[in-house]
C-alpha atoms as a PDB file:
ATOM      1  CA  MET A   1       0.000   0.000   0.000  1.00  0.00           C
ATOM      2  CA  ARG A   2       2.842   2.376   0.861  1.00  0.00           C
ATOM      3  CA  ASN A   3       4.609   1.686  -2.455  1.00  0.00           C
ATOM      4  CA  ARG A   4       1.385   2.343  -4.360  1.00  0.00           C
ATOM      5  CA  ALA A   5       0.951   5.671  -2.583  1.00  0.00           C
ATOM      6  CA  VAL A   6       4.508   6.706  -3.455  1.00  0.00           C
ATOM      7  CA  PHE A   7       3.961   5.730  -7.083  1.00  0.00           C
ATOM      8  CA  LEU A   8       0.760   7.795  -7.255  1.00  0.00           C
ATOM      9  CA  PHE A   9       2.656  10.724  -5.740  1.00  0.00           C
ATOM     10  CA  PHE A  10       5.278  10.231  -8.457  1.00  0.00           C
ATOM     11  CA  LEU A  11       2.632  10.557 -11.170  1.00  0.00           C
ATOM     12  CA  ILE A  12       0.848  13.495  -9.567  1.00  0.00           C
ATOM     13  CA  ALA A  13       4.095  15.368  -9.010  1.00  0.00           C
ATOM     14  CA  LEU A  14       4.781  15.244 -12.735  1.00  0.00           C
ATOM     15  CA  THR A  15       2.052  17.835 -13.155  1.00  0.00           C
ATOM     16  CA  VAL A  16       3.070  20.098 -10.280  1.00  0.00           C
ATOM     17  CA  SER A  17       6.865  19.754 -10.076  1.00  0.00           C
ATOM     18  CA  PRO A  18       8.932  22.879 -10.710  1.00  0.00           C
ATOM     19  CA  ALA A  19      11.034  23.385 -13.804  1.00  0.00           C
ATOM     20  CA  ASN A  20      14.197  21.310 -13.481  1.00  0.00           C
ATOM     21  CA  PRO A  21      17.454  23.279 -13.819  1.00  0.00           C
ATOM     22  CA  ILE A  22      20.167  21.765 -16.022  1.00  0.00           C
ATOM     23  CA  VAL A  23      23.699  23.154 -16.402  1.00  0.00           C
ATOM     24  CA  ILE A  24      25.186  22.428 -19.822  1.00  0.00           C
ATOM     25  CA  GLN A  25      28.354  20.368 -19.570  1.00  0.00           C
ATOM     26  CA  LYS A  26      31.537  20.362 -21.653  1.00  0.00           C
ATOM     27  CA  GLY A  27      31.076  18.179 -24.728  1.00  0.00           C
ATOM     28  CA  GLU A  28      27.283  18.236 -24.463  1.00  0.00           C
ATOM     29  CA  THR A  29      25.386  19.023 -27.649  1.00  0.00           C
ATOM     30  CA  ILE A  30      21.818  20.125 -28.282  1.00  0.00           C
ATOM     31  CA  ASP A  31      21.103  16.602 -29.555  1.00  0.00           C
ATOM     32  CA  THR A  32      22.454  14.775 -26.476  1.00  0.00           C
ATOM     33  CA  PHE A  33      20.824  17.321 -24.166  1.00  0.00           C
ATOM     34  CA  SER A  34      17.430  16.979 -25.849  1.00  0.00           C
ATOM     35  CA  ARG A  35      17.435  13.185 -25.895  1.00  0.00           C
ATOM     36  CA  LYS A  36      18.334  12.943 -22.228  1.00  0.00           C
ATOM     37  CA  TYR A  37      16.065  15.583 -20.713  1.00  0.00           C
ATOM     38  CA  LEU A  38      13.135  16.263 -23.071  1.00  0.00           C
ATOM     39  CA  SER A  39      10.051  14.112 -23.535  1.00  0.00           C
ATOM     40  CA  ASP A  40      10.105  15.197 -27.174  1.00  0.00           C
ATOM     41  CA  PRO A  41      13.671  16.009 -28.315  1.00  0.00           C
ATOM     42  CA  ARG A  42      12.283  18.033 -31.214  1.00  0.00           C
ATOM     43  CA  LYS A  43      11.126  20.719 -28.768  1.00  0.00           C
ATOM     44  CA  TRP A  44      14.618  21.955 -27.920  1.00  0.00           C
ATOM     45  CA  ARG A  45      13.915  25.269 -29.650  1.00  0.00           C
ATOM     46  CA  ASP A  46      10.896  25.815 -27.386  1.00  0.00           C
ATOM     47  CA  VAL A  47      13.074  25.201 -24.314  1.00  0.00           C
ATOM     48  CA  LEU A  48      15.725  27.650 -25.481  1.00  0.00           C
ATOM     49  CA  ARG A  49      13.029  30.199 -26.271  1.00  0.00           C
ATOM     50  CA  ALA A  50      11.489  29.787 -22.812  1.00  0.00           C
ATOM     51  CA  ASN A  51      14.905  30.566 -21.330  1.00  0.00           C
ATOM     52  CA  LYS A  52      15.415  33.535 -23.675  1.00  0.00           C
ATOM     53  CA  LEU A  53      18.376  31.790 -25.274  1.00  0.00           C
ATOM     54  CA  THR A  54      19.424  31.133 -28.847  1.00  0.00           C
ATOM     55  CA  GLU A  55      21.279  28.198 -30.364  1.00  0.00           C
ATOM     56  CA  LYS A  56      24.510  30.217 -30.097  1.00  0.00           C
ATOM     57  CA  ASP A  57      23.964  30.512 -26.326  1.00  0.00           C
ATOM     58  CA  PHE A  58      24.114  26.726 -25.877  1.00  0.00           C
ATOM     59  CA  LYS A  59      27.527  26.566 -24.198  1.00  0.00           C
ATOM     60  CA  PRO A  60      29.084  24.801 -21.166  1.00  0.00           C
ATOM     61  CA  GLY A  61      28.119  26.443 -17.896  1.00  0.00           C
ATOM     62  CA  VAL A  62      24.824  27.877 -19.144  1.00  0.00           C
ATOM     63  CA  ARG A  63      21.885  27.019 -16.886  1.00  0.00           C
ATOM     64  CA  ILE A  64      18.611  25.979 -18.549  1.00  0.00           C
ATOM     65  CA  GLU A  65      15.255  25.561 -16.830  1.00  0.00           C
ATOM     66  CA  ILE A  66      13.193  22.817 -18.480  1.00  0.00           C
ATOM     67  CA  PRO A  67       9.414  23.412 -18.260  1.00  0.00           C
ATOM     68  CA  ARG A  68       7.579  20.444 -16.732  1.00  0.00           C
ATOM     69  CA  ASP A  69       5.358  19.930 -19.807  1.00  0.00           C
ATOM     70  CA  VAL A  70       8.387  18.917 -21.924  1.00  0.00           C
ATOM     71  CA  LEU A  71      10.522  17.323 -19.192  1.00  0.00           C
ATOM     72  CA  ARG A  72      11.320  13.653 -19.734  1.00  0.00           C
ATOM     73  CA  ARG A  73      10.375  11.367 -16.875  1.00  0.00           C
ATOM     74  CA  GLY A  74      13.472  10.722 -14.790  1.00  0.00           C
ATOM     75  CA  ASP A  75      14.966   7.522 -13.400  1.00  0.00           C
ATOM     76  CA  ALA A  76      13.991   8.724  -9.920  1.00  0.00           C
ATOM     77  CA  MET A  77      12.253  11.665  -8.310  1.00  0.00           C
ATOM     78  CA  VAL A  78      12.527  13.432  -4.954  1.00  0.00           C
ATOM     79  CA  VAL A  79       9.135  12.890  -3.301  1.00  0.00           C
ATOM     80  CA  ASN A  80       9.885  14.115   0.216  1.00  0.00           C
ATOM     81  CA  MET A  81      12.417  16.458   1.782  1.00  0.00           C
ATOM     82  CA  GLN A  82      13.634  16.957   5.337  1.00  0.00           C
ATOM     83  CA  ARG A  83      15.963  19.924   5.680  1.00  0.00           C
ATOM     84  CA  ARG A  84      18.955  20.337   3.396  1.00  0.00           C
ATOM     85  CA  ALA A  85      19.934  18.030   0.543  1.00  0.00           C
ATOM     86  CA  GLU A  86      21.816  18.693  -2.686  1.00  0.00           C
ATOM     87  CA  TYR A  87      22.158  17.126  -6.110  1.00  0.00           C
ATOM     88  CA  SER A  88      24.626  17.293  -8.977  1.00  0.00           C
ATOM     89  CA  ARG A  89      23.962  16.337 -12.580  1.00  0.00           C
ATOM     90  CA  SER A  90      26.164  13.704 -14.222  1.00  0.00           C
ATOM     91  CA  HIS A  91      29.640  14.964 -15.145  1.00  0.00           C
ATOM     92  CA  SER A  92      28.977  18.252 -13.341  1.00  0.00           C
ATOM     93  CA  GLU A  93      30.855  19.720 -10.399  1.00  0.00           C
ATOM     94  CA  ASP A  94      27.998  22.053  -9.468  1.00  0.00           C
ATOM     95  CA  TRP A  95      25.893  21.148  -6.420  1.00  0.00           C
ATOM     96  CA  LEU A  96      22.380  22.612  -6.251  1.00  0.00           C
ATOM     97  CA  SER A  97      19.679  22.509  -3.586  1.00  0.00           C
ATOM     98  CA  ALA A  98      17.226  19.639  -4.092  1.00  0.00           C
ATOM     99  CA  VAL A  99      13.473  20.252  -3.990  1.00  0.00           C
ATOM    100  CA  THR A 100      10.401  18.022  -3.887  1.00  0.00           C
ATOM    101  CA  GLY A 101       9.437  17.043  -7.425  1.00  0.00           C
ATOM    102  CA  LEU A 102      13.018  17.174  -8.722  1.00  0.00           C
ATOM    103  CA  MET A 103      13.692  14.650 -11.513  1.00  0.00           C
ATOM    104  CA  LEU A 104      16.958  12.717 -11.331  1.00  0.00           C
ATOM    105  CA  TYR A 105      18.652  10.890 -14.191  1.00  0.00           C
ATOM    106  CA  ALA A 106      21.349   8.261 -14.723  1.00  0.00           C
ATOM    107  CA  GLN A 107      24.628   9.129 -12.987  1.00  0.00           C
ATOM    108  CA  ASP A 108      23.167  12.125 -11.120  1.00  0.00           C
ATOM    109  CA  ARG A 109      24.471  12.455  -7.549  1.00  0.00           C
ATOM    110  CA  VAL A 110      22.608  13.189  -4.321  1.00  0.00           C
ATOM    111  CA  LYS A 111      23.963  14.055  -0.881  1.00  0.00           C
ATOM    112  CA  THR A 112      22.511  15.062   2.464  1.00  0.00           C
ATOM    113  CA  ASP A 113      24.203  16.981   5.245  1.00  0.00           C
ATOM    114  CA  THR A 114      24.271  15.868   8.875  1.00  0.00           C
ATOM    115  CA  GLN A 115      20.703  17.112   9.390  1.00  0.00           C
ATOM    116  CA  GLY A 116      19.255  16.463   5.947  1.00  0.00           C
ATOM    117  CA  ALA A 117      17.211  13.557   4.586  1.00  0.00           C
ATOM    118  CA  LEU A 118      15.012  12.846   1.592  1.00  0.00           C
ATOM    119  CA  GLN A 119      12.965  10.144  -0.095  1.00  0.00           C
ATOM    120  CA  LEU A 120      13.377   8.945  -3.681  1.00  0.00           C
ATOM    121  CA  ALA A 121      10.802   7.144  -5.827  1.00  0.00           C
ATOM    122  CA  PHE A 122      12.165   5.075  -8.706  1.00  0.00           C
ATOM    123  CA  ARG A 123      10.352   4.098 -11.902  1.00  0.00           C
ATOM    124  CA  ASN A 124       9.846   0.517 -10.706  1.00  0.00           C
ATOM    125  CA  GLN A 125       8.171   1.888  -7.537  1.00  0.00           C
ATOM    126  CA  ALA A 126      11.228   1.290  -5.363  1.00  0.00           C
ATOM    127  CA  GLN A 127      11.155   3.676  -2.422  1.00  0.00           C
ATOM    128  CA  VAL A 128      14.520   4.778  -1.006  1.00  0.00           C
ATOM    129  CA  THR A 129      14.911   6.820   2.180  1.00  0.00           C
ATOM    130  CA  VAL A 130      18.233   8.677   2.241  1.00  0.00           C
ATOM    131  CA  ARG A 131      19.489   9.327   5.782  1.00  0.00           C
ATOM    132  CA  PRO A 132      21.647  12.251   7.022  1.00  0.00           C
ATOM    133  CA  GLY A 133      25.300  12.320   5.966  1.00  0.00           C
ATOM    134  CA  THR A 134      24.787  10.229   2.824  1.00  0.00           C
ATOM    135  CA  GLU A 135      26.108  10.496  -0.728  1.00  0.00           C
ATOM    136  CA  LEU A 136      24.925   8.321  -3.621  1.00  0.00           C
ATOM    137  CA  ILE A 137      24.938   8.092  -7.420  1.00  0.00           C
ATOM    138  CA  LEU A 138      22.101   6.789  -9.565  1.00  0.00           C
ATOM    139  CA  ASN A 139      22.921   3.741 -11.690  1.00  0.00           C
ATOM    140  CA  ILE A 140      23.503   3.863 -15.417  1.00  0.00           C
ATOM    141  CA  GLU A 141      20.410   4.430 -17.549  1.00  0.00           C
ATOM    142  CA  GLY A 142      18.053   1.449 -17.763  1.00  0.00           C
ATOM    143  CA  SER A 143      19.269  -0.072 -14.495  1.00  0.00           C
ATOM    144  CA  ASP A 144      17.168   0.364 -11.352  1.00  0.00           C
ATOM    145  CA  GLY A 145      19.520   0.961  -8.461  1.00  0.00           C
ATOM    146  CA  LEU A 146      22.283   3.182  -7.138  1.00  0.00           C
ATOM    147  CA  PHE A 147      25.854   3.381  -5.907  1.00  0.00           C
ATOM    148  CA  LEU A 148      26.077   4.221  -2.198  1.00  0.00           C
ATOM    149  CA  LYS A 149      29.354   6.057  -1.658  1.00  0.00           C
ATOM    150  CA  GLU A 150      28.847   6.783   2.022  1.00  0.00           C
ATOM    151  CA  GLY A 151      26.039   6.947   4.573  1.00  0.00           C
ATOM    152  CA  ARG A 152      22.813   5.007   5.089  1.00  0.00           C
ATOM    153  CA  ILE A 153      19.709   4.309   3.035  1.00  0.00           C
ATOM    154  CA  ARG A 154      16.621   2.130   3.429  1.00  0.00           C
ATOM    155  CA  SER A 155      15.064   0.571   0.320  1.00  0.00           C
ATOM    156  CA  VAL A 156      11.509  -0.775   0.144  1.00  0.00           C
ATOM    157  CA  LEU A 157      10.320  -2.590  -2.978  1.00  0.00           C
ATOM    158  CA  LYS A 158       7.089  -4.136  -4.097  1.00  0.00           C
ATOM    159  CA  GLU A 159       7.000  -7.877  -4.831  1.00  0.00           C
ATOM    160  CA  LYS A 160       9.149  -8.917  -7.825  1.00  0.00           C
ATOM    161  CA  ALA A 161      10.597  -5.413  -8.309  1.00  0.00           C
ATOM    162  CA  ALA A 162      14.344  -5.685  -8.962  1.00  0.00           C
ATOM    163  CA  PHE A 163      16.818  -3.259  -7.404  1.00  0.00           C
ATOM    164  CA  SER A 164      20.507  -3.164  -6.542  1.00  0.00           C
ATOM    165  CA  VAL A 165      22.682  -1.141  -4.207  1.00  0.00           C
ATOM    166  CA  THR A 166      26.396  -1.115  -5.031  1.00  0.00           C
ATOM    167  CA  THR A 167      28.941   0.024  -2.431  1.00  0.00           C
ATOM    168  CA  PRO A 168      32.751   0.222  -2.403  1.00  0.00           C
ATOM    169  CA  ALA A 169      32.795  -3.270  -0.854  1.00  0.00           C
ATOM    170  CA  ALA A 170      29.776  -5.196  -2.167  1.00  0.00           C
ATOM    171  CA  ILE A 171      26.620  -5.423  -4.271  1.00  0.00           C
ATOM    172  CA  ALA A 172      23.212  -6.013  -2.660  1.00  0.00           C
ATOM    173  CA  SER A 173      20.679  -7.342  -5.172  1.00  0.00           C
ATOM    174  CA  VAL A 174      17.006  -7.826  -4.357  1.00  0.00           C
ATOM    175  CA  ARG A 175      13.622  -8.511  -5.880  1.00  0.00           C
ATOM    176  CA  GLY A 176      10.823  -7.222  -3.693  1.00  0.00           C
ATOM    177  CA  THR A 177      12.035  -6.669  -0.126  1.00  0.00           C
ATOM    178  CA  ASP A 178      12.814  -4.176   2.651  1.00  0.00           C
ATOM    179  CA  PHE A 179      16.474  -3.676   3.517  1.00  0.00           C
ATOM    180  CA  GLU A 180      18.954  -1.117   4.764  1.00  0.00           C
ATOM    181  CA  THR A 181      22.476  -0.442   3.516  1.00  0.00           C
ATOM    182  CA  GLU A 182      25.134   1.539   5.362  1.00  0.00           C
ATOM    183  CA  VAL A 183      28.646   2.499   4.234  1.00  0.00           C
ATOM    184  CA  SER A 184      31.236   3.867   6.657  1.00  0.00           C
ATOM    185  CA  LYS A 185      33.996   6.323   5.781  1.00  0.00           C
ATOM    186  CA  SER A 186      36.398   3.377   5.490  1.00  0.00           C
ATOM    187  CA  GLY A 187      34.141   1.712   2.899  1.00  0.00           C
ATOM    188  CA  SER A 188      32.888  -1.020   5.230  1.00  0.00           C
ATOM    189  CA  THR A 189      29.349  -2.075   4.247  1.00  0.00           C
ATOM    190  CA  THR A 190      26.549  -3.292   6.504  1.00  0.00           C
ATOM    191  CA  VAL A 191      23.368  -4.764   4.992  1.00  0.00           C
ATOM    192  CA  SER A 192      20.304  -5.472   7.153  1.00  0.00           C
ATOM    193  CA  CYS A 193      17.223  -7.260   5.811  1.00  0.00           C
ATOM    194  CA  PHE A 194      13.786  -6.637   7.349  1.00  0.00           C
ATOM    195  CA  ALA A 195      11.577  -8.491   4.832  1.00  0.00           C
ATOM    196  CA  GLY A 196      12.232 -10.861   1.935  1.00  0.00           C
ATOM    197  CA  SER A 197      15.906 -11.599   1.291  1.00  0.00           C
ATOM    198  CA  VAL A 198      18.997  -9.925  -0.162  1.00  0.00           C
ATOM    199  CA  ASP A 199      21.843 -11.444  -2.189  1.00  0.00           C
ATOM    200  CA  VAL A 200      25.079  -9.781  -1.082  1.00  0.00           C
ATOM    201  CA  THR A 201      28.061 -10.290  -3.406  1.00  0.00           C
ATOM    202  CA  ALA A 202      31.716  -9.410  -2.835  1.00  0.00           C
ATOM    203  CA  GLN A 203      35.002 -10.876  -4.052  1.00  0.00           C
ATOM    204  CA  GLY A 204      33.191 -13.497  -6.148  1.00  0.00           C
ATOM    205  CA  ARG A 205      31.144 -14.857  -3.257  1.00  0.00           C
ATOM    206  CA  THR A 206      27.375 -14.386  -2.809  1.00  0.00           C
ATOM    207  CA  VAL A 207      25.615 -14.764   0.529  1.00  0.00           C
ATOM    208  CA  ASN A 208      21.827 -14.835   0.812  1.00  0.00           C
ATOM    209  CA  LEU A 209      20.721 -12.629   3.675  1.00  0.00           C
ATOM    210  CA  PRO A 210      17.286 -13.628   5.043  1.00  0.00           C
ATOM    211  CA  ALA A 211      14.815 -11.380   6.828  1.00  0.00           C
ATOM    212  CA  GLY A 212      15.741 -10.526  10.397  1.00  0.00           C
ATOM    213  CA  HIS A 213      19.474 -10.766   9.732  1.00  0.00           C
ATOM    214  CA  THR A 214      22.421  -8.478   9.065  1.00  0.00           C
ATOM    215  CA  LEU A 215      25.948  -8.934   7.708  1.00  0.00           C
ATOM    216  CA  ASN A 216      29.103  -6.900   7.215  1.00  0.00           C
ATOM    217  CA  VAL A 217      31.454  -6.651   4.245  1.00  0.00           C
ATOM    218  CA  GLU A 218      34.939  -5.199   4.580  1.00  0.00           C
ATOM    219  CA  PRO A 219      36.619  -3.779   1.437  1.00  0.00           C
ATOM    220  CA  GLY A 220      38.518  -6.479  -0.427  1.00  0.00           C
ATOM    221  CA  LYS A 221      36.903  -9.314   1.543  1.00  0.00           C
ATOM    222  CA  PRO A 222      33.898 -11.626   0.958  1.00  0.00           C
ATOM    223  CA  PRO A 223      30.685 -11.096   2.955  1.00  0.00           C
ATOM    224  CA  ALA A 224      30.767 -12.207   6.586  1.00  0.00           C
ATOM    225  CA  ALA A 225      28.259 -14.752   7.854  1.00  0.00           C
ATOM    226  CA  PRO A 226      24.742 -13.367   8.532  1.00  0.00           C
ATOM    227  CA  GLN A 227      23.890 -12.533  12.129  1.00  0.00           C
ATOM    228  CA  LYS A 228      20.463 -12.093  13.692  1.00  0.00           C
ATOM    229  CA  LEU A 229      19.296  -8.520  14.054  1.00  0.00           C
ATOM    230  CA  PRO A 230      18.869  -7.443  17.657  1.00  0.00           C
ATOM    231  CA  PRO A 231      15.232  -7.099  18.723  1.00  0.00           C
ATOM    232  CA  PRO A 232      13.809  -3.567  18.551  1.00  0.00           C
ATOM    233  CA  PRO A 233      13.856  -1.692  21.851  1.00  0.00           C
ATOM    234  CA  ALA A 234      10.766  -2.261  23.951  1.00  0.00           C
ATOM    235  CA  ARG A 235       8.384   0.658  24.139  1.00  0.00           C
ATOM    236  CA  LYS A 236       7.821   2.095  27.546  1.00  0.00           C
ATOM    237  CA  ILE A 237       4.237   2.075  28.753  1.00  0.00           C
ATOM    238  CA  GLN A 238       3.241   5.563  29.816  1.00  0.00           C
END
């Protein structure tokens, strides 16, 4: 039910999301720009006109706002924000403030500060909660998943939905489950499974992590044996 609600929010937000800012990168052409970001690449002239730009103005460093009616559906979208979070387009060094309704595409980066958090909805209805102090990169186009550079995320998927989280030490692959992935500054990875199961692969070895268990993967080593998750703290009766 929760995944369905997020997916509906994804669709609704398409009609109310703000224009998405794009900074033109070195080597980018009008053709590559249009195919990546526009629902109809033939409308690139309309986008330039809306930004009061001409074809000669299409140069690296120029910022273009894409109106929502011609914006191509992204690989993921920001559906909830808590305090500060930033994003950077692929091959860009510029970090901008993220907003609810922001479309994200292959190889875009997202990071939260020590107080920030956000929620991402992917095309396959995967729901990812990004915790404070986290940095991640969306997978290559056509692949549902992400690279977790540092920090902690929780991923919830509907039944049979495929998703992967790659870290500096391992790859966690799932199909319909609820799991959390955390990467320390040293690159150590901890995967905890709350529902379903997760296949964790590192150094050529794959370990199936069942619900109610957690495991650790150190860089350059295979996954450790799964351990039972500690029981949640008991709630005090008022």
